[in-house]
Amino acid sequence: MFENIDALSILTYVLALLFGFLGHYLFTKMKVSKANVDASKIVEEANTKADNVVKEAILDAKTQAYELKLEAEKEVKAQRLELTKFENKLLQREQNIDRRDIALQGREDVLEQKAEQLNKRSAELGKLEATLKEQIDEKIVELEKIAAMSANEAKQELFKLVEEKMATEVTAYIKEQEDEAKSKAALISKDIISNAINRYSQEETIEKTVNVVALPSEEMKGRIIGREGRNIKAIENATGVELIIDDTPEVITISCFDPIRREIARLSLETLIRDGRIQPGRIEEVVSKTKKELKDVIQKTGEDAIFELGLSRVNKEIVMLIGKLKYRTSYGQNALQHSLEVAHFAGIMAAELGLNQQLAKRAGLLHDIGKAVDHEMEGSHVELGAKFAKKYGENATVVNAIESHHGDVAPTSVISILVAAADTLSAARPGSRSETIENYIQRLEKLEEIPYTFDGVDKAFAIQAGREVRVIVKPDKVDDLASHRLAREIKEKIESELTYPGHIKVTVIREIRANEVAK
């Protein structure tokens, strides 16, 4: 019984499994079939959509192609219009060229006709010229017979008459032009120069080189001399100057041609006198220190001068030369102060004339730069100044201003002329310079000698401290026009032979006095 029950349970379990598998199979199959149906629908929808997209793309492509075709047709039409216009222009140009060719051909025909006419006229003129030449030769022969004078003699006589007449007329014309030029130039130059002088003022004291040192006592003099003169010899050897002690009491005179050495000796002596320790070792130490200090002072002086004028880019060697001018004098006038005055005057006048003010100031400052070394090198201060200016790359205008400010070289620019004028202004102003009596007398004598070298001069006098020379001529040998020519010739000779500050006026006097005595 139990065995039947177990068999029935197993059979039931097997049948349940079979039905379960069968249900699962059927269910799965139903799902697959449904999935296939869904997939088919999706594929159909996708195909439908793809067909729609393709149709739309084809439609868009056709639309764009049509639009591009329209645009291409428009461009073609526009290009055809431009080509048509261009062809029309070319056609018009060809027509114009044809017209010009016709016109030129007509002109060539006219020119050929004129050329033929000119050839005919030139031939006729040649015949007339030959005829006139024959007639002139015949007249010359007749005139030579009548005047008993050859053609060459007549020419010389005619040239002589013309020369005499022209000499008088030229002299009169020169005088007239000189008077007119002087009247016009005087108005402008006086205004410019007076403006420059008014804008620049300077004291009228005359600077002189200090060449003496005061001694506090006679005992100090003995200490400076030293035992057997060893101290004074040490000072002279170290500074290169000569000390004169016995000539003047309580004063040491320093004698030397080099102003820098003289200044070093003066400063060293003053330092030794203040210090009181005077011996050869101390002397060498003080002199060496003074040299270094003076070098710094010279450089500072040059830099101050450049700064005062507002200049830039000046070579260091030029700066040192400018500083050395402080210890140079000319007729008692300090060379550095004179150079600064010339620079200011030249700059002011250049500004009035609309020229380069900085270049004019530079040329004025450096015009006497050669005086810083002319006592120790061969050559004049003009030559040395131009040499140093070229060496250190100064402007050609500055070099020419240095060379021409005393008339050694012709000026090549207006600035050179202004520097020469400023140099004269600075040297000739009241109180700027002094002159020894011997030099003054020699200058006046030479000034009075020059007029006597000309024919017809009766007397000559130098007046106004040599600023004017008056010449009295013989009226029977020098006429009025010749007087003007004589004044100019004397002026030119004074300029070429004399060196003088300022200007010298030449006045020629011609006077006729007719005297009769009634009895």
Protein backbone atom coordinates (compact mmCIF):
# COMPACT_ATOMS: atom_id res chain seq x y z
CA MET A 1 0.00 0.00 0.00
CA PHE A 2 2.74 2.34 0.89
CA GLU A 3 4.54 1.42 -2.25
CA ASN A 4 1.48 2.46 -4.34
CA ILE A 5 1.37 5.76 -2.57
CA ASP A 6 5.06 6.50 -3.34
CA ALA A 7 4.64 5.64 -6.97
CA LEU A 8 1.63 7.92 -7.21
CA SER A 9 3.54 10.79 -5.58
CA ILE A 10 6.46 10.40 -7.92
CA LEU A 11 4.15 10.26 -10.91
CA THR A 12 2.33 13.36 -9.71
CA TYR A 13 5.63 15.19 -9.22
CA VAL A 14 6.83 14.19 -12.69
CA LEU A 15 3.57 15.31 -14.24
CA ALA A 16 3.80 18.62 -12.37
CA LEU A 17 7.27 19.12 -13.70
CA LEU A 18 6.18 18.35 -17.21
CA PHE A 19 3.26 20.75 -17.02
CA GLY A 20 5.57 23.39 -15.49
CA PHE A 21 8.07 22.99 -18.32
CA LEU A 22 5.31 23.01 -20.86
CA GLY A 23 3.76 26.18 -19.41
CA HIS A 24 7.11 27.89 -19.27
CA TYR A 25 7.85 26.88 -22.85
CA LEU A 26 4.49 28.18 -24.06
CA PHE A 27 4.90 31.38 -22.13
CA THR A 28 8.38 31.92 -23.47
CA LYS A 29 7.26 31.23 -27.00
CA MET A 30 4.45 33.71 -26.64
CA LYS A 31 6.96 36.35 -25.49
CA VAL A 32 9.30 35.62 -28.38
CA SER A 33 6.49 35.86 -30.88
CA LYS A 34 5.35 39.11 -29.34
CA ALA A 35 8.95 40.44 -29.42
CA ASN A 36 9.21 39.48 -33.05
CA VAL A 37 5.98 41.31 -33.78
CA ASP A 38 7.29 44.42 -31.91
CA ALA A 39 10.62 44.23 -33.72
CA SER A 40 8.88 44.02 -37.04
CA LYS A 41 6.85 47.09 -36.17
CA ILE A 42 10.01 49.00 -35.08
CA VAL A 43 11.80 48.03 -38.29
CA GLU A 44 8.84 49.12 -40.38
CA GLU A 45 8.65 52.43 -38.52
CA ALA A 46 12.43 52.91 -38.92
CA ASN A 47 12.20 52.17 -42.61
CA THR A 48 9.31 54.59 -42.93
CA LYS A 49 11.23 57.31 -41.09
CA ALA A 50 14.38 56.63 -43.16
CA ASP A 51 12.37 56.94 -46.35
CA ASN A 52 10.95 60.24 -45.11
CA VAL A 53 14.44 61.54 -44.19
CA VAL A 54 15.82 60.54 -47.58
CA LYS A 55 12.90 62.21 -49.33
CA GLU A 56 13.39 65.39 -47.27
CA ALA A 57 17.16 65.37 -47.94
CA ILE A 58 16.56 64.92 -51.64
CA LEU A 59 14.06 67.77 -51.57
CA ASP A 60 16.48 70.05 -49.67
CA ALA A 61 19.30 69.16 -52.06
CA LYS A 62 17.14 69.98 -55.03
CA THR A 63 16.10 73.27 -53.42
CA GLN A 64 19.75 74.24 -52.68
CA ALA A 65 20.85 73.20 -56.14
CA TYR A 66 18.14 75.39 -57.62
CA GLU A 67 19.17 78.34 -55.46
CA LEU A 68 22.84 77.85 -56.39
CA LYS A 69 21.85 77.70 -60.01
CA LEU A 70 19.98 81.00 -59.66
CA GLU A 71 22.98 82.65 -57.94
CA ALA A 72 25.35 81.32 -60.59
CA GLU A 73 23.10 82.69 -63.32
CA LYS A 74 23.07 86.08 -61.55
CA GLU A 75 26.87 86.14 -61.30
CA VAL A 76 27.21 85.15 -64.93
CA LYS A 77 24.85 87.95 -65.91
CA ALA A 78 26.81 90.45 -63.77
CA GLN A 79 30.13 89.36 -65.30
CA ARG A 80 28.63 89.59 -68.76
CA LEU A 81 27.48 93.15 -67.97
CA GLU A 82 30.97 94.07 -66.73
CA LEU A 83 32.57 92.55 -69.79
CA THR A 84 30.13 94.48 -71.96
CA LYS A 85 31.02 97.74 -70.16
CA PHE A 86 34.74 96.98 -70.42
CA GLU A 87 34.36 96.22 -74.12
CA ASN A 88 32.52 99.51 -74.57
CA LYS A 89 35.30 101.37 -72.76
CA LEU A 90 37.95 99.70 -74.89
CA LEU A 91 35.99 100.60 -77.97
CA GLN A 92 35.76 104.24 -76.84
CA ARG A 93 39.49 104.30 -76.12
CA GLU A 94 40.27 102.87 -79.51
CA GLN A 95 38.06 105.54 -81.06
CA ASN A 96 39.82 108.25 -79.01
CA ILE A 97 43.23 106.89 -80.01
CA ASP A 98 42.17 106.94 -83.64
CA ARG A 99 41.07 110.54 -83.26
CA ARG A 100 44.37 111.47 -81.57
CA ASP A 101 46.31 109.74 -84.31
CA ILE A 102 44.43 111.78 -86.86
CA ALA A 103 45.06 114.98 -84.87
CA LEU A 104 48.78 114.16 -84.43
CA GLN A 105 49.09 113.44 -88.08
CA GLY A 106 47.59 116.83 -88.78
CA ARG A 107 50.01 118.48 -86.36
CA GLU A 108 52.96 116.70 -87.92
CA ASP A 109 51.88 118.04 -91.28
CA VAL A 110 51.66 121.56 -89.81
CA LEU A 111 55.07 121.18 -88.14
CA GLU A 112 56.62 119.98 -91.38
CA GLN A 113 55.21 123.03 -93.13
CA LYS A 114 56.58 125.31 -90.39
CA ALA A 115 59.95 123.58 -90.55
CA GLU A 116 60.08 124.19 -94.30
CA GLN A 117 59.17 127.84 -93.71
CA LEU A 118 61.88 128.16 -91.04
CA ASN A 119 64.46 126.63 -93.33
CA LYS A 120 63.52 129.13 -96.02
CA ARG A 121 63.74 132.01 -93.50
CA SER A 122 67.10 130.82 -92.14
CA ALA A 123 68.43 130.68 -95.69
CA GLU A 124 67.14 134.20 -96.31
CA LEU A 125 68.66 135.39 -93.00
CA GLY A 126 71.98 133.83 -93.95
CA LYS A 127 71.95 135.78 -97.18
CA LEU A 128 71.02 138.97 -95.30
CA GLU A 129 73.78 138.32 -92.71
CA ALA A 130 76.37 137.90 -95.43
CA THR A 131 75.15 141.10 -97.11
CA LEU A 132 75.24 143.03 -93.82
CA LYS A 133 78.72 141.72 -93.04
CA GLU A 134 79.96 142.95 -96.40
CA GLN A 135 78.33 146.33 -95.80
CA ILE A 136 79.82 146.55 -92.25
CA ASP A 137 83.29 145.68 -93.54
CA GLU A 138 82.93 148.39 -96.17
CA LYS A 139 81.80 150.91 -93.52
CA ILE A 140 84.71 149.93 -91.25
CA VAL A 141 87.16 150.54 -94.07
CA GLU A 142 85.54 153.92 -94.78
CA LEU A 143 85.62 154.87 -91.06
CA GLU A 144 89.28 153.85 -90.74
CA LYS A 145 90.09 156.05 -93.72
CA ILE A 146 88.12 158.98 -92.25
CA ALA A 147 89.38 158.63 -88.64
CA ALA A 148 92.90 157.58 -89.57
CA MET A 149 92.56 154.85 -86.83
CA SER A 150 92.40 151.06 -87.08
CA ALA A 151 89.50 149.01 -85.67
CA ASN A 152 91.66 147.67 -82.81
CA GLU A 153 92.77 151.16 -81.88
CA ALA A 154 89.16 152.33 -81.95
CA LYS A 155 88.17 149.38 -79.72
CA GLN A 156 90.89 150.20 -77.20
CA GLU A 157 89.89 153.85 -77.16
CA LEU A 158 86.24 152.90 -76.69
CA PHE A 159 87.10 150.42 -73.92
CA LYS A 160 89.16 153.10 -72.19
CA LEU A 161 86.30 155.57 -72.26
CA VAL A 162 83.83 152.93 -71.08
CA GLU A 163 86.19 151.82 -68.29
CA GLU A 164 86.59 155.36 -67.02
CA LYS A 165 82.86 155.94 -67.15
CA MET A 166 82.06 152.60 -65.55
CA ALA A 167 84.61 153.11 -62.77
CA THR A 168 82.81 156.26 -61.74
CA GLU A 169 79.39 154.65 -62.07
CA VAL A 170 80.46 151.48 -60.24
CA THR A 171 81.93 153.49 -57.37
CA ALA A 172 78.75 155.52 -57.13
CA TYR A 173 76.63 152.36 -57.31
CA ILE A 174 78.75 150.63 -54.63
CA LYS A 175 78.40 153.65 -52.38
CA GLU A 176 74.65 153.76 -52.93
CA GLN A 177 74.28 150.02 -52.25
CA GLU A 178 76.55 150.19 -49.19
CA ASP A 179 74.52 153.07 -47.75
CA GLU A 180 71.27 151.20 -48.40
CA ALA A 181 72.62 147.95 -46.95
CA LYS A 182 74.02 149.72 -43.92
CA SER A 183 70.74 151.50 -43.26
CA LYS A 184 68.76 148.24 -43.46
CA ALA A 185 71.29 146.11 -41.59
CA ALA A 186 71.74 148.73 -38.88
CA LEU A 187 68.08 148.58 -37.91
CA ILE A 188 68.07 144.77 -37.62
CA SER A 189 71.54 144.31 -36.12
CA LYS A 190 71.12 147.09 -33.55
CA ASP A 191 67.85 145.58 -32.39
CA ILE A 192 69.32 142.08 -32.08
CA ILE A 193 72.56 143.18 -30.41
CA SER A 194 70.85 145.59 -28.02
CA ASN A 195 68.38 142.88 -27.07
CA ALA A 196 71.25 140.46 -26.41
CA ILE A 197 73.12 143.00 -24.30
CA ASN A 198 70.00 143.92 -22.32
CA ARG A 199 69.18 140.30 -21.60
CA TYR A 200 72.72 139.48 -20.45
CA SER A 201 74.40 141.62 -17.83
CA GLN A 202 77.85 141.11 -16.29
CA GLU A 203 79.95 143.00 -13.77
CA GLU A 204 82.54 145.38 -15.16
CA THR A 205 85.38 144.27 -12.90
CA ILE A 206 88.58 143.04 -14.51
CA GLU A 207 89.84 139.73 -13.19
CA LYS A 208 93.56 139.20 -12.80
CA THR A 209 95.53 136.09 -11.97
CA VAL A 210 96.55 135.93 -8.32
CA ASN A 211 100.32 135.64 -8.30
CA VAL A 212 101.21 136.66 -4.74
CA VAL A 213 100.72 135.02 -1.36
CA ALA A 214 100.69 137.12 1.82
CA LEU A 215 102.93 136.04 4.72
CA PRO A 216 101.69 136.50 8.28
CA SER A 217 105.19 137.32 9.57
CA GLU A 218 108.87 137.41 8.70
CA GLU A 219 109.38 134.29 10.83
CA MET A 220 107.10 132.39 8.43
CA LYS A 221 109.24 133.57 5.52
CA GLY A 222 112.28 131.91 7.10
CA ARG A 223 110.38 128.68 7.65
CA ILE A 224 109.30 128.62 4.02
CA ILE A 225 112.89 129.16 2.88
CA GLY A 226 114.16 126.47 5.26
CA ARG A 227 117.68 125.54 6.19
CA GLU A 228 119.98 126.36 3.27
CA GLY A 229 116.84 126.95 1.16
CA ARG A 230 115.76 123.29 1.11
CA ASN A 231 112.04 124.05 1.70
CA ILE A 232 111.74 126.62 -1.05
CA LYS A 233 113.63 124.34 -3.43
CA ALA A 234 111.27 121.50 -2.57
CA ILE A 235 108.25 123.74 -3.30
CA GLU A 236 109.71 124.89 -6.62
CA ASN A 237 110.59 121.33 -7.68
CA ALA A 238 107.18 119.96 -6.69
CA THR A 239 105.12 122.73 -8.35
CA GLY A 240 107.37 123.78 -11.25
CA VAL A 241 107.19 127.50 -10.40
CA GLU A 242 109.69 130.09 -9.25
CA LEU A 243 109.18 131.77 -5.86
CA ILE A 244 110.40 135.33 -5.32
CA ILE A 245 110.55 136.23 -1.63
CA ASP A 246 113.04 139.04 -0.96
CA ASP A 247 111.63 141.67 -3.36
CA THR A 248 108.53 142.57 -1.32
CA PRO A 249 108.27 142.26 2.47
CA GLU A 250 105.71 139.78 3.86
CA VAL A 251 104.76 138.68 0.33
CA ILE A 252 105.77 135.71 -1.82
CA THR A 253 105.58 136.29 -5.57
CA ILE A 254 104.83 133.24 -7.73
CA SER A 255 106.30 133.35 -11.25
CA CYS A 256 105.28 130.83 -13.90
CA PHE A 257 103.84 130.85 -17.43
CA ASP A 258 101.55 127.91 -16.66
CA PRO A 259 98.44 129.22 -14.82
CA ILE A 260 97.59 125.76 -13.45
CA ARG A 261 101.01 125.36 -11.88
CA ARG A 262 100.78 128.87 -10.48
CA GLU A 263 97.41 128.07 -8.89
CA ILE A 264 98.72 124.79 -7.44
CA ALA A 265 101.68 126.66 -5.90
CA ARG A 266 99.41 129.35 -4.45
CA LEU A 267 97.00 126.87 -2.87
CA SER A 268 99.86 124.71 -1.56
CA LEU A 269 101.60 127.70 0.04
CA GLU A 270 98.40 128.85 1.70
CA THR A 271 97.83 125.33 3.07
CA LEU A 272 101.42 125.09 4.38
CA ILE A 273 101.20 128.54 5.99
CA ARG A 274 97.95 127.61 7.75
CA ASP A 275 99.32 124.23 8.82
CA GLY A 276 102.70 125.54 9.98
CA ARG A 277 104.48 122.24 9.32
CA ILE A 278 106.88 123.07 6.50
CA GLN A 279 109.36 120.41 5.48
CA PRO A 280 110.19 118.62 2.21
CA GLY A 281 108.11 115.52 2.99
CA ARG A 282 105.10 117.58 4.06
CA ILE A 283 105.52 119.86 1.02
CA GLU A 284 105.35 116.93 -1.41
CA GLU A 285 102.29 115.57 0.40
CA VAL A 286 100.46 118.93 0.30
CA VAL A 287 101.33 119.57 -3.36
CA SER A 288 100.15 116.09 -4.38
CA LYS A 289 96.89 116.56 -2.50
CA THR A 290 96.41 120.04 -3.97
CA LYS A 291 96.89 118.71 -7.50
CA LYS A 292 94.13 116.14 -7.00
CA GLU A 293 91.82 118.72 -5.43
CA LEU A 294 92.47 121.23 -8.23
CA LYS A 295 91.73 118.55 -10.85
CA ASP A 296 88.36 117.99 -9.19
CA VAL A 297 87.78 121.74 -9.06
CA ILE A 298 88.61 122.07 -12.77
CA GLN A 299 86.20 119.28 -13.69
CA LYS A 300 83.49 120.77 -11.46
CA THR A 301 84.03 124.19 -13.03
CA GLY A 302 83.67 122.77 -16.54
CA GLU A 303 80.53 120.84 -15.57
CA ASP A 304 79.02 123.96 -13.96
CA ALA A 305 79.65 125.98 -17.12
CA ILE A 306 77.99 123.30 -19.27
CA PHE A 307 75.05 123.07 -16.86
CA GLU A 308 74.65 126.85 -16.85
CA LEU A 309 74.27 126.85 -20.64
CA GLY A 310 72.07 123.75 -20.71
CA LEU A 311 74.36 121.77 -23.02
CA SER A 312 74.58 117.98 -23.21
CA ARG A 313 76.89 115.19 -24.38
CA VAL A 314 80.21 116.99 -23.92
CA ASN A 315 83.38 114.88 -23.97
CA LYS A 316 85.18 114.61 -20.61
CA GLU A 317 88.40 115.99 -22.07
CA ILE A 318 86.52 119.01 -23.40
CA VAL A 319 84.99 119.48 -19.93
CA MET A 320 88.49 119.58 -18.41
CA LEU A 321 89.66 122.10 -20.99
CA ILE A 322 86.66 124.32 -20.22
CA GLY A 323 87.49 124.15 -16.52
CA LYS A 324 91.12 125.13 -17.21
CA LEU A 325 89.94 128.34 -18.87
CA LYS A 326 89.11 129.59 -15.36
CA TYR A 327 92.82 130.09 -14.78
CA ARG A 328 93.55 131.85 -18.11
CA THR A 329 93.20 135.56 -18.78
CA SER A 330 93.38 137.79 -21.85
CA TYR A 331 94.06 141.50 -21.26
CA GLY A 332 92.89 140.94 -17.68
CA GLN A 333 89.61 139.27 -18.74
CA ASN A 334 89.01 135.76 -17.40
CA ALA A 335 88.89 133.33 -20.34
CA LEU A 336 86.10 131.17 -18.89
CA GLN A 337 83.94 134.18 -18.08
CA HIS A 338 84.59 135.53 -21.59
CA SER A 339 83.59 132.17 -23.14
CA LEU A 340 80.37 132.09 -21.10
CA GLU A 341 79.55 135.65 -22.19
CA VAL A 342 80.13 134.76 -25.84
CA ALA A 343 77.95 131.65 -25.46
CA HIS A 344 75.10 133.67 -23.92
CA PHE A 345 75.34 136.45 -26.51
CA ALA A 346 75.48 133.99 -29.42
CA GLY A 347 72.56 131.98 -28.02
CA ILE A 348 70.37 135.06 -27.58
CA MET A 349 71.10 136.35 -31.09
CA ALA A 350 70.53 132.88 -32.58
CA ALA A 351 67.16 132.68 -30.85
CA GLU A 352 66.21 136.11 -32.25
CA LEU A 353 67.08 134.89 -35.77
CA GLY A 354 65.31 131.55 -35.39
CA LEU A 355 68.53 129.49 -35.48
CA ASN A 356 69.71 126.56 -33.35
CA GLN A 357 70.23 128.21 -29.95
CA GLN A 358 71.95 125.21 -28.33
CA LEU A 359 74.45 124.88 -31.20
CA ALA A 360 75.22 128.63 -31.03
CA LYS A 361 75.84 128.40 -27.27
CA ARG A 362 78.09 125.37 -27.76
CA ALA A 363 80.13 127.16 -30.43
CA GLY A 364 80.39 130.28 -28.25
CA LEU A 365 81.58 128.31 -25.22
CA LEU A 366 84.24 126.40 -27.19
CA HIS A 367 85.47 129.24 -29.44
CA ASP A 368 88.52 129.94 -27.20
CA ILE A 369 89.02 126.37 -25.93
CA GLY A 370 92.53 126.37 -27.40
CA LYS A 371 93.63 128.97 -24.81
CA ALA A 372 93.56 126.22 -22.19
CA VAL A 373 96.61 124.55 -23.79
CA ASP A 374 98.23 127.14 -26.09
CA HIS A 375 100.89 127.88 -23.45
CA GLU A 376 102.10 124.28 -23.45
CA MET A 377 101.58 123.19 -27.09
CA GLU A 378 102.72 124.52 -30.46
CA GLY A 379 100.17 126.52 -32.44
CA SER A 380 97.71 129.36 -31.95
CA HIS A 381 94.65 128.96 -29.74
CA VAL A 382 92.50 128.93 -32.91
CA GLU A 383 94.43 126.01 -34.45
CA LEU A 384 94.55 124.06 -31.20
CA GLY A 385 90.87 124.68 -30.44
CA ALA A 386 89.79 123.45 -33.89
CA LYS A 387 92.10 120.44 -33.55
CA PHE A 388 90.61 119.38 -30.20
CA ALA A 389 87.03 120.03 -31.40
CA LYS A 390 87.55 117.74 -34.40
CA LYS A 391 89.33 115.12 -32.27
CA TYR A 392 86.43 114.83 -29.82
CA GLY A 393 83.67 114.78 -32.45
CA GLU A 394 82.23 118.29 -32.25
CA ASN A 395 79.80 119.51 -34.93
CA ALA A 396 81.32 120.95 -38.13
CA THR A 397 79.59 124.28 -37.40
CA VAL A 398 81.31 124.46 -34.00
CA VAL A 399 84.69 123.71 -35.60
CA ASN A 400 84.17 126.41 -38.22
CA ALA A 401 83.11 128.91 -35.53
CA ILE A 402 86.39 128.24 -33.68
CA GLU A 403 88.44 128.59 -36.88
CA SER A 404 86.70 131.72 -38.16
CA HIS A 405 86.11 133.86 -35.04
CA HIS A 406 89.37 135.77 -35.70
CA GLY A 407 89.00 135.74 -39.49
CA ASP A 408 91.61 133.02 -40.11
CA VAL A 409 89.03 130.97 -42.05
CA ALA A 410 85.91 132.11 -43.89
CA PRO A 411 82.67 131.42 -41.94
CA THR A 412 80.43 128.75 -43.44
CA SER A 413 77.30 129.39 -41.36
CA VAL A 414 75.39 132.24 -39.73
CA ILE A 415 76.22 130.78 -36.30
CA SER A 416 79.96 131.26 -37.00
CA ILE A 417 79.27 134.93 -37.78
CA LEU A 418 77.22 135.29 -34.58
CA VAL A 419 80.05 133.79 -32.50
CA ALA A 420 82.54 136.27 -34.01
CA ALA A 421 80.14 139.14 -33.24
CA ALA A 422 79.55 137.87 -29.70
CA ASP A 423 83.32 137.56 -29.19
CA THR A 424 83.70 141.21 -30.19
CA LEU A 425 80.85 142.26 -27.89
CA SER A 426 82.35 140.49 -24.90
CA ALA A 427 85.85 141.85 -25.53
CA ALA A 428 84.78 145.42 -26.31
CA ARG A 429 82.24 146.02 -23.56
CA PRO A 430 83.29 148.64 -20.97
CA GLY A 431 85.44 147.21 -18.22
CA SER A 432 85.99 143.84 -19.84
CA ARG A 433 89.67 144.15 -20.71
CA SER A 434 92.71 146.19 -19.87
CA GLU A 435 95.64 147.08 -22.08
CA THR A 436 99.16 148.18 -21.26
CA ILE A 437 100.27 151.67 -22.26
CA GLU A 438 103.01 150.27 -24.52
CA ASN A 439 100.60 148.06 -26.45
CA TYR A 440 98.09 150.89 -26.65
CA ILE A 441 100.64 153.32 -28.11
CA GLN A 442 101.95 150.74 -30.58
CA ARG A 443 98.43 149.96 -31.77
CA LEU A 444 97.62 153.65 -32.34
CA GLU A 445 100.91 154.23 -34.19
CA LYS A 446 100.26 151.27 -36.48
CA LEU A 447 96.70 152.49 -37.04
CA GLU A 448 97.95 155.92 -38.11
CA GLU A 449 100.65 154.46 -40.38
CA ILE A 450 98.26 152.45 -42.56
CA PRO A 451 96.49 155.41 -44.29
CA TYR A 452 99.84 156.94 -45.36
CA THR A 453 100.48 153.91 -47.58
CA PHE A 454 97.79 155.17 -49.99
CA ASP A 455 98.26 157.95 -52.56
CA GLY A 456 96.56 161.28 -51.96
CA VAL A 457 96.54 161.06 -48.14
CA ASP A 458 97.63 164.30 -46.45
CA LYS A 459 97.15 163.56 -42.72
CA ALA A 460 95.82 160.71 -40.55
CA PHE A 461 94.78 160.77 -36.89
CA ALA A 462 93.71 157.97 -34.53
CA ILE A 463 91.01 159.24 -32.16
CA GLN A 464 88.56 157.88 -29.57
CA ALA A 465 91.15 155.56 -28.04
CA GLY A 466 91.84 153.94 -31.40
CA ARG A 467 88.21 153.26 -32.26
CA GLU A 468 88.26 155.74 -35.17
CA VAL A 469 90.84 156.89 -37.69
CA ARG A 470 90.31 160.14 -39.57
CA VAL A 471 92.07 160.62 -42.89
CA ILE A 472 92.43 164.01 -44.57
CA VAL A 473 93.10 163.73 -48.31
CA LYS A 474 94.47 166.18 -50.87
CA PRO A 475 91.43 167.51 -52.78
CA ASP A 476 93.32 167.96 -56.04
CA LYS A 477 94.33 164.26 -56.13
CA VAL A 478 91.27 162.51 -54.63
CA ASP A 479 87.73 163.32 -55.76
CA ASP A 480 84.50 162.62 -53.87
CA LEU A 481 83.90 159.14 -55.30
CA ALA A 482 87.53 158.18 -54.85
CA SER A 483 87.20 159.16 -51.18
CA HIS A 484 84.63 156.42 -50.64
CA ARG A 485 86.85 153.91 -52.43
CA LEU A 486 89.83 155.00 -50.31
CA ALA A 487 87.86 154.54 -47.06
CA ARG A 488 86.93 151.01 -48.07
CA GLU A 489 90.52 150.13 -49.03
CA ILE A 490 91.88 151.48 -45.72
CA LYS A 491 89.24 149.51 -43.84
CA GLU A 492 90.22 146.29 -45.64
CA LYS A 493 93.92 146.84 -44.92
CA ILE A 494 93.23 147.48 -41.21
CA GLU A 495 91.24 144.25 -41.04
CA SER A 496 94.02 142.26 -42.69
CA GLU A 497 97.00 143.72 -40.77
CA LEU A 498 95.79 144.71 -37.29
CA THR A 499 94.40 142.77 -34.34
CA TYR A 500 92.08 144.87 -32.20
CA PRO A 501 89.01 144.54 -29.96
CA GLY A 502 85.71 145.94 -31.20
CA HIS A 503 85.35 148.04 -34.35
CA ILE A 504 87.42 150.81 -35.95
CA LYS A 505 85.61 153.51 -37.89
CA VAL A 506 87.39 154.97 -40.94
CA THR A 507 86.47 158.56 -41.89
CA VAL A 508 87.92 160.17 -45.02
CA ILE A 509 87.66 163.98 -45.17
CA ARG A 510 88.02 165.94 -48.42
CA GLU A 511 87.73 169.70 -48.14
CA ILE A 512 88.29 172.54 -50.61
CA ARG A 513 88.74 176.12 -49.36
CA ALA A 514 88.82 178.99 -51.81
CA ASN A 515 90.39 182.16 -50.35
CA GLU A 516 90.65 185.57 -51.94
CA VAL A 517 91.81 188.84 -50.39
CA ALA A 518 90.08 192.06 -51.35
CA LYS A 519 92.41 195.04 -51.55
